[in-house]
């Protein structure tokens, strides 16, 4: 076999090897690595809360800095626009300009707001032995699903599932399920940005 033919064959083999699909194990590993290495993020979140009555819908801006600093600014509905929640890792400050009130919350860990943050999901995911990872196809799109239990044995907030886009490795949705596997909170993430430079002052409580 001459050198040119040999080099051509090797090139074709490498080309097809590079185009081959990744195994489930490789995809799962990369998704977990991406989420565990997250230090900060910003995004817009479209949130739907399912209760006993009609679903409640919100749009909010999120900021997160590891390990446990959060900021939420509600953009919709109009009645809640401007409502801001800041958690600095110890306590939360909530400001509601539409009604001219603000207050401190010492036990933010029990709040519904904390459960819609990916930072909260990460903490639970890496600190449990019951975490699960699987793959799902919906409407010809593939996702990696990371699942973890929520501590506290709350009947309405029993576990969380984080959906990852399999091509971009970006989180697209977070679901909070009750003990009957019914979705209670659905969060769709838009304009998600990993490891952004965030001024720590935005998490400051005066």
Protein backbone atom coordinates (compact mmCIF):
# COMPACT_ATOMS: atom_id res chain seq x y z
CA UNK A 1 0.00 0.00 0.00
CA UNK A 2 1.44 3.36 -1.02
CA UNK A 3 1.76 6.20 1.49
CA UNK A 4 -0.91 8.40 -0.09
CA UNK A 5 -3.53 5.64 0.04
CA UNK A 6 -2.57 4.74 3.61
CA UNK A 7 -2.88 8.39 4.76
CA UNK A 8 -6.26 8.71 2.99
CA UNK A 9 -7.61 5.61 4.76
CA UNK A 10 -6.40 6.84 8.16
CA UNK A 11 -8.01 10.24 7.51
CA UNK A 12 -11.36 8.62 6.67
CA UNK A 13 -11.24 6.43 9.77
CA UNK A 14 -10.49 9.42 12.00
CA UNK A 15 -13.22 11.46 10.33
CA UNK A 16 -15.86 8.84 10.98
CA UNK A 17 -14.59 8.24 14.50
CA UNK A 18 -14.88 11.94 15.24
CA UNK A 19 -18.45 12.00 13.91
CA UNK A 20 -19.60 8.97 15.87
CA UNK A 21 -22.24 9.52 18.51
CA UNK A 22 -21.18 9.75 22.10
CA UNK A 23 -22.22 6.99 24.46
CA UNK A 24 -24.77 7.61 27.20
CA UNK A 25 -21.99 7.41 29.77
CA UNK A 26 -19.99 10.13 27.99
CA UNK A 27 -23.04 12.38 27.69
CA UNK A 28 -23.99 11.86 31.32
CA UNK A 29 -20.45 12.59 32.47
CA UNK A 30 -20.20 15.79 30.44
CA UNK A 31 -23.59 17.05 31.66
CA UNK A 32 -22.69 16.37 35.29
CA UNK A 33 -19.27 17.95 34.87
CA UNK A 34 -20.85 21.06 33.37
CA UNK A 35 -23.35 21.53 36.16
CA UNK A 36 -20.96 20.76 39.04
CA UNK A 37 -18.37 23.25 37.70
CA UNK A 38 -20.92 26.07 37.65
CA UNK A 39 -19.77 29.02 39.80
CA UNK A 40 -22.19 31.73 38.64
CA UNK A 41 -24.99 32.16 36.17
CA UNK A 42 -27.54 34.66 34.95
CA UNK A 43 -30.74 33.96 33.06
CA UNK A 44 -34.36 34.82 32.47
CA UNK A 45 -36.78 32.31 33.96
CA UNK A 46 -40.36 31.65 32.86
CA UNK A 47 -41.96 30.09 35.92
CA UNK A 48 -45.28 28.25 36.22
CA UNK A 49 -46.55 27.20 39.64
CA UNK A 50 -49.30 24.57 39.73
CA UNK A 51 -51.52 24.66 42.80
CA UNK A 52 -55.09 23.70 43.53
CA UNK A 53 -56.42 26.56 41.40
CA UNK A 54 -55.30 28.04 38.08
CA UNK A 55 -51.55 27.94 37.33
CA UNK A 56 -49.62 31.07 38.29
CA UNK A 57 -47.10 32.36 35.74
CA UNK A 58 -44.10 34.60 36.35
CA UNK A 59 -41.13 35.92 34.43
CA UNK A 60 -38.03 36.80 36.44
CA UNK A 61 -34.34 37.59 36.13
CA UNK A 62 -32.01 35.29 38.08
CA UNK A 63 -28.49 35.77 39.37
CA UNK A 64 -26.57 33.06 41.23
CA UNK A 65 -23.11 32.87 42.80
CA UNK A 66 -21.82 29.66 44.38
CA UNK A 67 -22.35 28.26 46.83
CA UNK A 68 -25.66 29.85 47.85
CA UNK A 69 -26.22 33.47 46.84
CA UNK A 70 -29.36 34.30 44.88
CA UNK A 71 -31.13 37.32 43.43
CA UNK A 72 -34.57 37.33 41.82
CA UNK A 73 -36.21 40.31 40.11
CA UNK A 74 -39.74 39.75 38.84
CA UNK A 75 -40.61 41.26 35.46
CA UNK A 76 -44.14 39.85 35.02
CA UNK A 77 -46.99 39.91 36.00
CA UNK A 78 -47.38 43.66 36.25
CA UNK A 79 -48.75 43.42 39.80
CA UNK A 80 -45.42 41.97 40.99
CA UNK A 81 -43.06 43.84 38.67
CA UNK A 82 -39.94 44.99 40.49
CA UNK A 83 -40.35 42.62 43.42
CA UNK A 84 -36.80 41.63 44.40
CA UNK A 85 -35.53 38.82 46.59
CA UNK A 86 -31.87 38.72 47.65
CA UNK A 87 -30.35 35.83 49.57
CA UNK A 88 -26.77 36.34 50.78
CA UNK A 89 -26.24 32.82 52.08
CA UNK A 90 -27.57 33.56 55.55
CA UNK A 91 -30.85 35.39 55.21
CA UNK A 92 -33.11 36.86 52.55
CA UNK A 93 -34.33 40.40 51.96
CA UNK A 94 -37.54 40.88 50.00
CA UNK A 95 -38.62 44.23 48.54
CA UNK A 96 -42.06 44.76 47.02
CA UNK A 97 -42.11 48.34 45.61
CA UNK A 98 -45.68 48.11 44.33
CA UNK A 99 -47.00 47.88 47.88
CA UNK A 100 -44.15 49.81 49.46
CA UNK A 101 -42.98 47.00 51.74
CA UNK A 102 -39.74 45.15 52.42
CA UNK A 103 -38.86 42.54 55.00
CA UNK A 104 -36.22 40.03 56.06
CA UNK A 105 -36.67 36.25 55.91
CA UNK A 106 -34.39 34.29 58.21
CA UNK A 107 -35.43 30.84 56.95
CA UNK A 108 -35.10 31.18 53.19
CA UNK A 109 -34.25 27.47 52.88
CA UNK A 110 -37.92 26.61 53.32
CA UNK A 111 -39.12 29.03 50.64
CA UNK A 112 -40.47 28.11 47.23
CA UNK A 113 -38.18 30.66 45.56
CA UNK A 114 -35.02 28.79 46.52
CA UNK A 115 -36.19 25.61 44.84
CA UNK A 116 -36.30 27.23 41.38
CA UNK A 117 -32.57 28.01 41.43
CA UNK A 118 -30.10 25.66 39.77
CA UNK A 119 -27.67 26.38 42.60
CA UNK A 120 -30.10 24.74 45.02
CA UNK A 121 -30.45 21.78 42.65
CA UNK A 122 -26.67 21.36 42.44
CA UNK A 123 -26.34 21.29 46.23
CA UNK A 124 -28.94 18.52 46.47
CA UNK A 125 -27.58 16.60 43.47
CA UNK A 126 -24.02 16.32 44.76
CA UNK A 127 -25.07 15.58 48.34
CA UNK A 128 -27.38 12.65 47.77
CA UNK A 129 -26.86 8.99 46.97
CA UNK A 130 -30.19 8.76 45.12
CA UNK A 131 -29.34 11.07 42.18
CA UNK A 132 -30.32 9.69 38.78
CA UNK A 133 -29.26 10.50 35.21
CA UNK A 134 -31.04 9.43 32.04
CA UNK A 135 -31.69 10.40 28.45
CA UNK A 136 -34.96 11.44 26.82
CA UNK A 137 -36.13 12.36 23.30
CA UNK A 138 -39.10 14.72 22.82
CA UNK A 139 -40.14 16.08 19.42
CA UNK A 140 -36.86 14.83 17.88
CA UNK A 141 -34.79 16.73 20.47
CA UNK A 142 -32.56 14.91 22.92
CA UNK A 143 -32.11 15.85 26.55
CA UNK A 144 -30.09 14.69 29.52
CA UNK A 145 -32.20 14.54 32.68
CA UNK A 146 -30.54 14.94 36.08
CA UNK A 147 -32.78 14.02 39.00
CA UNK A 148 -32.38 14.51 42.74
CA UNK A 149 -34.50 14.30 45.85
CA UNK A 150 -35.42 17.46 47.77
CA UNK A 151 -34.64 17.20 51.49
CA UNK A 152 -37.38 17.76 54.03
CA UNK A 153 -40.00 15.19 52.94
CA UNK A 154 -42.37 17.91 51.76
CA UNK A 155 -45.37 16.34 49.92
CA UNK A 156 -45.43 19.08 47.26
CA UNK A 157 -41.65 19.48 46.82
CA UNK A 158 -40.37 15.91 46.67
CA UNK A 159 -37.81 15.86 43.85
CA UNK A 160 -36.32 17.99 41.07
CA UNK A 161 -35.44 17.20 37.47
CA UNK A 162 -33.03 19.40 35.51
CA UNK A 163 -33.28 19.12 31.71
CA UNK A 164 -30.12 19.65 29.64
CA UNK A 165 -29.90 20.35 25.93
CA UNK A 166 -27.78 17.44 24.70
CA UNK A 167 -26.03 19.49 22.00
CA UNK A 168 -25.27 22.72 23.83
CA UNK A 169 -25.11 21.37 27.40
CA UNK A 170 -27.24 24.22 28.63
CA UNK A 171 -30.04 23.78 31.16
CA UNK A 172 -33.39 24.41 29.51
CA UNK A 173 -35.89 23.45 32.20
CA UNK A 174 -36.21 22.60 35.89
CA UNK A 175 -39.22 20.73 37.24
CA UNK A 176 -40.22 20.30 40.88
CA UNK A 177 -42.42 17.25 41.46
CA UNK A 178 -44.61 16.17 44.37
CA UNK A 179 -44.75 12.71 45.96
CA UNK A 180 -47.13 11.58 43.20
CA UNK A 181 -44.68 12.69 40.46
CA UNK A 182 -46.96 15.56 39.49
CA UNK A 183 -45.19 18.72 38.31
CA UNK A 184 -45.73 21.50 40.86
CA UNK A 185 -43.21 24.03 39.54
CA UNK A 186 -41.98 24.32 35.98
CA UNK A 187 -39.09 26.68 35.17
CA UNK A 188 -37.93 27.32 31.61
CA UNK A 189 -34.55 29.06 31.29
CA UNK A 190 -33.78 31.63 28.59
CA UNK A 191 -30.54 33.47 27.80
CA UNK A 192 -28.65 31.21 30.22
CA UNK A 193 -25.05 32.31 30.74
CA UNK A 194 -22.47 30.22 32.60
CA UNK A 195 -19.82 31.65 34.92
CA UNK A 196 -20.53 35.31 34.24
CA UNK A 197 -18.64 38.00 36.16
CA UNK A 198 -21.19 39.12 38.74
CA UNK A 199 -20.56 42.01 41.10
CA UNK A 200 -20.98 40.59 44.61
CA UNK A 201 -22.68 43.85 45.62
CA UNK A 202 -25.94 42.71 44.01
CA UNK A 203 -26.24 40.10 46.80
CA UNK A 204 -25.68 42.66 49.56
CA UNK A 205 -28.44 43.20 52.11
CA UNK A 206 -28.28 46.66 53.66
